[in-house]
Amino acid sequence: MRNWLALVLVVIVALGAWWSTRSAPPAVEAAVTAKSPDRPVAAAAQRRTRLDDAEPERARRLRDGAARREVMQRQIVDTMAAREVAGTSQPSADPGDHDPKRASKSGAQPTDEAPADTIVDRTGNHGYLTRVLSRDLMPLVDECHALVREEHPELAGMLVLDLEILGDEDIGGVVNTLGPGQGNELAEPALLECVRESLLATTLPPPEQGGRDAISLSMRFDPPAPE
């Protein structure tokens, strides 16, 4: 009888050990399954954060430049309005000099012989601006041309822009308005918009007599060199 009871106890212990061993893996597996989806979700969220923070340098530069220009433009407009009200506005140049088309006929520099990738003053009387534009703006325009050429490899020709400069000797100058000028050969919208954004994020010296001034600029881009 004792042997029988001992055998029954051994069987019960063996069944209990087998059952506990059989039940553990599903619990562990369930815990792993419950935790696993969180890992790829968290990793994806981290990747999105990095992408959002990695703002392209050009976009950041244009944004900051446009903000500075907007502040300057507002200050210049307010200053000009105050001077007009006070009757102390500075004398402006002959209105005929503000027409880049008229000026280009009389004092324009030749543009056909100008080297590629340089800014030429077609009105011929804005040396104070062309030096600054060549140094500060030309790299941005080159960047625009390179970006657009990724989609339009054969893009080449003369880019002509008519600009109105607004300025005050104590504040500085900004591009007030701009658009394609007479003789422009590059009408690709992506290029024009990129150049526009670059110009509207640039600050300039004021016109020599303050107030408003007009200038016509040209930049020639050669076709890509054959490989």
C-alpha atoms as a PDB file:
ATOM      1  CA  MET A   1       0.000   0.000   0.000  1.00  0.00           C
ATOM      2  CA  ARG A   2       2.822   2.328   0.889  1.00  0.00           C
ATOM      3  CA  ASN A   3       4.543   1.524  -2.386  1.00  0.00           C
ATOM      4  CA  TRP A   4       1.365   2.367  -4.230  1.00  0.00           C
ATOM      5  CA  LEU A   5       1.022   5.726  -2.498  1.00  0.00           C
ATOM      6  CA  ALA A   6       4.667   6.526  -3.188  1.00  0.00           C
ATOM      7  CA  LEU A   7       4.168   5.744  -6.875  1.00  0.00           C
ATOM      8  CA  VAL A   8       1.102   7.986  -7.040  1.00  0.00           C
ATOM      9  CA  LEU A   9       3.040  10.843  -5.448  1.00  0.00           C
ATOM     10  CA  VAL A  10       5.895  10.437  -7.909  1.00  0.00           C
ATOM     11  CA  VAL A  11       3.442  10.556 -10.815  1.00  0.00           C
ATOM     12  CA  ILE A  12       1.752  13.692  -9.441  1.00  0.00           C
ATOM     13  CA  VAL A  13       5.102  15.467  -8.964  1.00  0.00           C
ATOM     14  CA  ALA A  14       6.187  14.499 -12.479  1.00  0.00           C
ATOM     15  CA  LEU A  15       2.936  15.799 -13.992  1.00  0.00           C
ATOM     16  CA  GLY A  16       3.259  19.048 -12.047  1.00  0.00           C
ATOM     17  CA  ALA A  17       6.833  19.560 -13.251  1.00  0.00           C
ATOM     18  CA  TRP A  18       5.817  18.831 -16.869  1.00  0.00           C
ATOM     19  CA  TRP A  19       2.866  21.222 -16.693  1.00  0.00           C
ATOM     20  CA  SER A  20       4.911  24.080 -15.234  1.00  0.00           C
ATOM     21  CA  THR A  21       7.566  23.583 -17.934  1.00  0.00           C
ATOM     22  CA  ARG A  22       4.899  23.530 -20.655  1.00  0.00           C
ATOM     23  CA  SER A  23       3.171  26.719 -19.443  1.00  0.00           C
ATOM     24  CA  ALA A  24       6.278  28.964 -19.189  1.00  0.00           C
ATOM     25  CA  PRO A  25       7.147  29.435 -22.893  1.00  0.00           C
ATOM     26  CA  PRO A  26       3.766  30.872 -23.928  1.00  0.00           C
ATOM     27  CA  ALA A  27       4.040  33.433 -21.122  1.00  0.00           C
ATOM     28  CA  VAL A  28       7.557  34.419 -22.193  1.00  0.00           C
ATOM     29  CA  GLU A  29       6.534  34.410 -25.834  1.00  0.00           C
ATOM     30  CA  ALA A  30       3.529  36.602 -25.051  1.00  0.00           C
ATOM     31  CA  ALA A  31       5.740  39.070 -23.183  1.00  0.00           C
ATOM     32  CA  VAL A  32       8.205  39.233 -26.080  1.00  0.00           C
ATOM     33  CA  THR A  33       5.379  39.632 -28.579  1.00  0.00           C
ATOM     34  CA  ALA A  34       3.882  42.414 -26.528  1.00  0.00           C
ATOM     35  CA  LYS A  35       7.201  44.298 -26.356  1.00  0.00           C
ATOM     36  CA  SER A  36       8.516  43.718 -29.880  1.00  0.00           C
ATOM     37  CA  PRO A  37       6.193  46.129 -31.775  1.00  0.00           C
ATOM     38  CA  ASP A  38       7.357  49.014 -29.564  1.00  0.00           C
ATOM     39  CA  ARG A  39      10.921  48.764 -30.788  1.00  0.00           C
ATOM     40  CA  PRO A  40      10.366  49.449 -34.502  1.00  0.00           C
ATOM     41  CA  VAL A  41       7.813  52.143 -33.649  1.00  0.00           C
ATOM     42  CA  ALA A  42      10.273  53.890 -31.360  1.00  0.00           C
ATOM     43  CA  ALA A  43      13.038  53.576 -33.953  1.00  0.00           C
ATOM     44  CA  ALA A  44      10.777  55.021 -36.652  1.00  0.00           C
ATOM     45  CA  ALA A  45       9.868  57.940 -34.393  1.00  0.00           C
ATOM     46  CA  GLN A  46      13.553  58.656 -33.797  1.00  0.00           C
ATOM     47  CA  ARG A  47      14.230  58.601 -37.545  1.00  0.00           C
ATOM     48  CA  ARG A  48      11.383  61.054 -38.168  1.00  0.00           C
ATOM     49  CA  THR A  49      12.758  63.364 -35.482  1.00  0.00           C
ATOM     50  CA  ARG A  50      16.184  63.328 -37.076  1.00  0.00           C
ATOM     51  CA  LEU A  51      14.727  64.061 -40.504  1.00  0.00           C
ATOM     52  CA  ASP A  52      12.623  66.930 -39.170  1.00  0.00           C
ATOM     53  CA  ASP A  53      15.616  68.443 -37.392  1.00  0.00           C
ATOM     54  CA  ALA A  54      17.937  68.075 -40.373  1.00  0.00           C
ATOM     55  CA  GLU A  55      16.656  71.124 -42.238  1.00  0.00           C
ATOM     56  CA  PRO A  56      18.690  71.667 -45.414  1.00  0.00           C
ATOM     57  CA  GLU A  57      21.318  74.339 -44.963  1.00  0.00           C
ATOM     58  CA  ARG A  58      20.109  76.274 -48.011  1.00  0.00           C
ATOM     59  CA  ALA A  59      16.513  76.393 -46.734  1.00  0.00           C
ATOM     60  CA  ARG A  60      17.675  77.576 -43.318  1.00  0.00           C
ATOM     61  CA  ARG A  61      19.930  80.222 -44.859  1.00  0.00           C
ATOM     62  CA  LEU A  62      17.157  81.548 -47.098  1.00  0.00           C
ATOM     63  CA  ARG A  63      14.662  81.591 -44.238  1.00  0.00           C
ATOM     64  CA  ASP A  64      16.978  83.568 -41.979  1.00  0.00           C
ATOM     65  CA  GLY A  65      17.958  85.942 -44.796  1.00  0.00           C
ATOM     66  CA  ALA A  66      14.352  86.561 -45.783  1.00  0.00           C
ATOM     67  CA  ALA A  67      13.489  87.397 -42.180  1.00  0.00           C
ATOM     68  CA  ARG A  68      16.321  89.949 -41.983  1.00  0.00           C
ATOM     69  CA  ARG A  69      15.316  91.467 -45.322  1.00  0.00           C
ATOM     70  CA  GLU A  70      11.674  91.798 -44.243  1.00  0.00           C
ATOM     71  CA  VAL A  71      12.700  93.697 -41.124  1.00  0.00           C
ATOM     72  CA  MET A  72      14.992  95.990 -43.129  1.00  0.00           C
ATOM     73  CA  GLN A  73      12.374  96.610 -45.805  1.00  0.00           C
ATOM     74  CA  ARG A  74       9.818  97.614 -43.193  1.00  0.00           C
ATOM     75  CA  GLN A  75      12.326  99.965 -41.535  1.00  0.00           C
ATOM     76  CA  ILE A  76      13.258 101.544 -44.873  1.00  0.00           C
ATOM     77  CA  VAL A  77       9.623 102.083 -45.895  1.00  0.00           C
ATOM     78  CA  ASP A  78       8.801 103.624 -42.513  1.00  0.00           C
ATOM     79  CA  THR A  79      11.854 105.901 -42.688  1.00  0.00           C
ATOM     80  CA  MET A  80      11.042 107.045 -46.210  1.00  0.00           C
ATOM     81  CA  ALA A  81       7.428 107.752 -45.220  1.00  0.00           C
ATOM     82  CA  ALA A  82       8.535 109.754 -42.181  1.00  0.00           C
ATOM     83  CA  ARG A  83      10.899 111.838 -44.291  1.00  0.00           C
ATOM     84  CA  GLU A  84       8.223 112.551 -46.842  1.00  0.00           C
ATOM     85  CA  VAL A  85       5.842 113.669 -44.125  1.00  0.00           C
ATOM     86  CA  ALA A  86       8.512 115.880 -42.612  1.00  0.00           C
ATOM     87  CA  GLY A  87       9.362 117.278 -46.030  1.00  0.00           C
ATOM     88  CA  THR A  88      12.976 116.228 -45.705  1.00  0.00           C
ATOM     89  CA  SER A  89      13.078 113.464 -48.272  1.00  0.00           C
ATOM     90  CA  GLN A  90      16.382 113.195 -50.035  1.00  0.00           C
ATOM     91  CA  PRO A  91      16.312 114.199 -53.721  1.00  0.00           C
ATOM     92  CA  SER A  92      16.106 111.272 -56.051  1.00  0.00           C
ATOM     93  CA  ALA A  93      17.838 110.831 -59.354  1.00  0.00           C
ATOM     94  CA  ASP A  94      16.272 111.697 -62.665  1.00  0.00           C
ATOM     95  CA  PRO A  95      13.330 109.294 -63.136  1.00  0.00           C
ATOM     96  CA  GLY A  96      14.732 108.433 -66.535  1.00  0.00           C
ATOM     97  CA  ASP A  97      17.733 106.882 -64.804  1.00  0.00           C
ATOM     98  CA  HIS A  98      15.425 104.451 -63.025  1.00  0.00           C
ATOM     99  CA  ASP A  99      14.352 102.816 -66.247  1.00  0.00           C
ATOM    100  CA  PRO A 100      16.766  99.944 -66.857  1.00  0.00           C
ATOM    101  CA  LYS A 101      15.613  99.651 -70.450  1.00  0.00           C
ATOM    102  CA  ARG A 102      16.526 103.258 -71.253  1.00  0.00           C
ATOM    103  CA  ALA A 103      19.754 103.072 -69.314  1.00  0.00           C
ATOM    104  CA  SER A 104      20.778  99.879 -71.025  1.00  0.00           C
ATOM    105  CA  LYS A 105      20.631 101.613 -74.398  1.00  0.00           C
ATOM    106  CA  SER A 106      23.012 104.386 -73.408  1.00  0.00           C
ATOM    107  CA  GLY A 107      25.427 103.140 -70.726  1.00  0.00           C
ATOM    108  CA  ALA A 108      25.034  99.379 -70.806  1.00  0.00           C
ATOM    109  CA  GLN A 109      28.072  97.179 -70.767  1.00  0.00           C
ATOM    110  CA  PRO A 110      28.384  94.531 -73.497  1.00  0.00           C
ATOM    111  CA  THR A 111      27.093  91.200 -72.227  1.00  0.00           C
ATOM    112  CA  ASP A 112      27.826  88.823 -75.094  1.00  0.00           C
ATOM    113  CA  GLU A 113      31.558  88.930 -74.334  1.00  0.00           C
ATOM    114  CA  ALA A 114      31.104  88.640 -70.573  1.00  0.00           C
ATOM    115  CA  PRO A 115      32.415  85.394 -69.091  1.00  0.00           C
ATOM    116  CA  ALA A 116      29.910  82.822 -67.976  1.00  0.00           C
ATOM    117  CA  ASP A 117      28.852  82.617 -64.328  1.00  0.00           C
ATOM    118  CA  THR A 118      29.416  86.330 -63.666  1.00  0.00           C
ATOM    119  CA  ILE A 119      26.925  89.107 -62.943  1.00  0.00           C
ATOM    120  CA  VAL A 120      26.915  91.989 -65.409  1.00  0.00           C
ATOM    121  CA  ASP A 121      25.277  95.362 -64.782  1.00  0.00           C
ATOM    122  CA  ARG A 122      23.425  96.028 -68.024  1.00  0.00           C
ATOM    123  CA  THR A 123      22.657  99.604 -66.971  1.00  0.00           C
ATOM    124  CA  GLY A 124      26.342 100.340 -66.565  1.00  0.00           C
ATOM    125  CA  ASN A 125      26.166 102.602 -63.494  1.00  0.00           C
ATOM    126  CA  HIS A 126      25.761 100.356 -60.465  1.00  0.00           C
ATOM    127  CA  GLY A 127      29.287  99.331 -59.586  1.00  0.00           C
ATOM    128  CA  TYR A 128      28.490  99.638 -55.876  1.00  0.00           C
ATOM    129  CA  LEU A 129      25.939  96.841 -56.291  1.00  0.00           C
ATOM    130  CA  THR A 130      27.574  94.515 -58.800  1.00  0.00           C
ATOM    131  CA  ARG A 131      30.602  93.990 -56.561  1.00  0.00           C
ATOM    132  CA  VAL A 132      28.387  92.906 -53.675  1.00  0.00           C
ATOM    133  CA  LEU A 133      26.080  90.840 -55.875  1.00  0.00           C
ATOM    134  CA  SER A 134      29.007  89.049 -57.510  1.00  0.00           C
ATOM    135  CA  ARG A 135      30.399  88.144 -54.102  1.00  0.00           C
ATOM    136  CA  ASP A 136      27.179  87.307 -52.228  1.00  0.00           C
ATOM    137  CA  LEU A 137      24.548  86.498 -54.839  1.00  0.00           C
ATOM    138  CA  MET A 138      26.442  84.684 -57.570  1.00  0.00           C
ATOM    139  CA  PRO A 139      27.164  81.610 -55.394  1.00  0.00           C
ATOM    140  CA  LEU A 140      23.428  81.354 -54.644  1.00  0.00           C
ATOM    141  CA  VAL A 141      22.515  81.681 -58.320  1.00  0.00           C
ATOM    142  CA  ASP A 142      25.110  79.033 -59.208  1.00  0.00           C
ATOM    143  CA  GLU A 143      23.523  76.805 -56.584  1.00  0.00           C
ATOM    144  CA  CYS A 144      20.089  77.350 -58.158  1.00  0.00           C
ATOM    145  CA  HIS A 145      21.448  76.549 -61.610  1.00  0.00           C
ATOM    146  CA  ALA A 146      23.066  73.348 -60.343  1.00  0.00           C
ATOM    147  CA  LEU A 147      19.867  72.237 -58.586  1.00  0.00           C
ATOM    148  CA  VAL A 148      17.668  72.852 -61.616  1.00  0.00           C
ATOM    149  CA  ARG A 149      20.157  71.166 -63.927  1.00  0.00           C
ATOM    150  CA  GLU A 150      19.542  67.913 -62.087  1.00  0.00           C
ATOM    151  CA  GLU A 151      16.116  67.871 -63.773  1.00  0.00           C
ATOM    152  CA  HIS A 152      17.053  69.892 -66.896  1.00  0.00           C
ATOM    153  CA  PRO A 153      20.653  68.993 -67.802  1.00  0.00           C
ATOM    154  CA  GLU A 154      20.728  71.123 -70.958  1.00  0.00           C
ATOM    155  CA  LEU A 155      19.627  74.346 -69.243  1.00  0.00           C
ATOM    156  CA  ALA A 156      21.799  77.156 -70.601  1.00  0.00           C
ATOM    157  CA  GLY A 157      21.524  80.724 -71.862  1.00  0.00           C
ATOM    158  CA  MET A 158      21.310  84.303 -70.645  1.00  0.00           C
ATOM    159  CA  LEU A 159      19.395  85.082 -67.469  1.00  0.00           C
ATOM    160  CA  VAL A 160      18.293  88.737 -67.347  1.00  0.00           C
ATOM    161  CA  LEU A 161      16.629  90.226 -64.276  1.00  0.00           C
ATOM    162  CA  ASP A 162      15.205  93.702 -63.683  1.00  0.00           C
ATOM    163  CA  LEU A 163      15.416  94.727 -60.024  1.00  0.00           C
ATOM    164  CA  GLU A 164      14.159  97.646 -57.996  1.00  0.00           C
ATOM    165  CA  ILE A 165      16.389  98.424 -55.029  1.00  0.00           C
ATOM    166  CA  LEU A 166      14.972 100.108 -51.962  1.00  0.00           C
ATOM    167  CA  GLY A 167      17.376 101.589 -49.442  1.00  0.00           C
ATOM    168  CA  ASP A 168      18.349 104.074 -46.799  1.00  0.00           C
ATOM    169  CA  GLU A 169      21.900 105.153 -46.057  1.00  0.00           C
ATOM    170  CA  ASP A 170      21.495 104.436 -42.335  1.00  0.00           C
ATOM    171  CA  ILE A 171      19.756 101.051 -42.745  1.00  0.00           C
ATOM    172  CA  GLY A 172      20.971  99.441 -45.951  1.00  0.00           C
ATOM    173  CA  GLY A 173      19.270  98.197 -49.082  1.00  0.00           C
ATOM    174  CA  VAL A 174      17.015  95.352 -50.180  1.00  0.00           C
ATOM    175  CA  VAL A 175      15.556  94.051 -53.405  1.00  0.00           C
ATOM    176  CA  ASN A 176      12.023  95.435 -53.482  1.00  0.00           C
ATOM    177  CA  THR A 177      10.769  93.895 -56.733  1.00  0.00           C
ATOM    178  CA  LEU A 178      12.280  91.732 -59.447  1.00  0.00           C
ATOM    179  CA  GLY A 179      11.321  89.944 -62.637  1.00  0.00           C
ATOM    180  CA  PRO A 180      12.701  88.677 -65.949  1.00  0.00           C
ATOM    181  CA  GLY A 181      14.102  91.481 -68.087  1.00  0.00           C
ATOM    182  CA  GLN A 182      14.259  92.136 -71.798  1.00  0.00           C
ATOM    183  CA  GLY A 183      16.472  89.575 -73.523  1.00  0.00           C
ATOM    184  CA  ASN A 184      16.020  86.900 -70.864  1.00  0.00           C
ATOM    185  CA  GLU A 185      16.524  83.432 -72.361  1.00  0.00           C
ATOM    186  CA  LEU A 186      15.894  81.271 -69.301  1.00  0.00           C
ATOM    187  CA  ALA A 187      12.206  80.994 -68.511  1.00  0.00           C
ATOM    188  CA  GLU A 188      12.376  77.754 -66.526  1.00  0.00           C
ATOM    189  CA  PRO A 189      10.001  78.428 -63.575  1.00  0.00           C
ATOM    190  CA  ALA A 190      12.067  76.414 -61.101  1.00  0.00           C
ATOM    191  CA  LEU A 191      15.188  78.452 -61.863  1.00  0.00           C
ATOM    192  CA  LEU A 192      13.386  81.797 -61.696  1.00  0.00           C
ATOM    193  CA  GLU A 193      11.728  80.909 -58.386  1.00  0.00           C
ATOM    194  CA  CYS A 194      14.998  79.721 -56.889  1.00  0.00           C
ATOM    195  CA  VAL A 195      16.806  82.913 -57.948  1.00  0.00           C
ATOM    196  CA  ARG A 196      13.901  84.996 -56.663  1.00  0.00           C
ATOM    197  CA  GLU A 197      14.106  83.324 -53.247  1.00  0.00           C
ATOM    198  CA  SER A 198      17.856  83.956 -53.173  1.00  0.00           C
ATOM    199  CA  LEU A 199      17.497  87.643 -54.039  1.00  0.00           C
ATOM    200  CA  LEU A 200      14.745  88.177 -51.502  1.00  0.00           C
ATOM    201  CA  ALA A 201      17.027  86.741 -48.823  1.00  0.00           C
ATOM    202  CA  THR A 202      19.898  89.113 -49.660  1.00  0.00           C
ATOM    203  CA  THR A 203      20.666  92.489 -48.134  1.00  0.00           C
ATOM    204  CA  LEU A 204      22.553  95.117 -50.139  1.00  0.00           C
ATOM    205  CA  PRO A 205      24.199  98.508 -49.830  1.00  0.00           C
ATOM    206  CA  PRO A 206      21.645 101.299 -50.248  1.00  0.00           C
ATOM    207  CA  PRO A 207      21.438 103.277 -53.491  1.00  0.00           C
ATOM    208  CA  GLU A 208      24.047 106.032 -53.515  1.00  0.00           C
ATOM    209  CA  GLN A 209      21.370 108.694 -53.016  1.00  0.00           C
ATOM    210  CA  GLY A 210      18.998 106.554 -50.980  1.00  0.00           C
ATOM    211  CA  GLY A 211      15.390 105.922 -51.916  1.00  0.00           C
ATOM    212  CA  ARG A 212      14.712 103.733 -54.937  1.00  0.00           C
ATOM    213  CA  ASP A 213      16.914 102.621 -57.780  1.00  0.00           C
ATOM    214  CA  ALA A 214      16.567 100.261 -60.725  1.00  0.00           C
ATOM    215  CA  ILE A 215      19.127  97.885 -62.154  1.00  0.00           C
ATOM    216  CA  SER A 216      19.141  95.272 -64.883  1.00  0.00           C
ATOM    217  CA  LEU A 217      21.453  92.307 -64.343  1.00  0.00           C
ATOM    218  CA  SER A 218      22.482  89.499 -66.652  1.00  0.00           C
ATOM    219  CA  MET A 219      24.178  86.170 -65.996  1.00  0.00           C
ATOM    220  CA  ARG A 220      25.174  83.783 -68.774  1.00  0.00           C
ATOM    221  CA  PHE A 221      25.204  80.029 -68.194  1.00  0.00           C
ATOM    222  CA  ASP A 222      27.039  77.804 -70.656  1.00  0.00           C
ATOM    223  CA  PRO A 223      25.755  74.340 -71.601  1.00  0.00           C
ATOM    224  CA  PRO A 224      27.392  71.428 -69.793  1.00  0.00           C
ATOM    225  CA  ALA A 225      30.776  70.416 -71.119  1.00  0.00           C
ATOM    226  CA  PRO A 226      30.736  67.225 -73.209  1.00  0.00           C
ATOM    227  CA  GLU A 227      32.001  64.178 -71.376  1.00  0.00           C
END
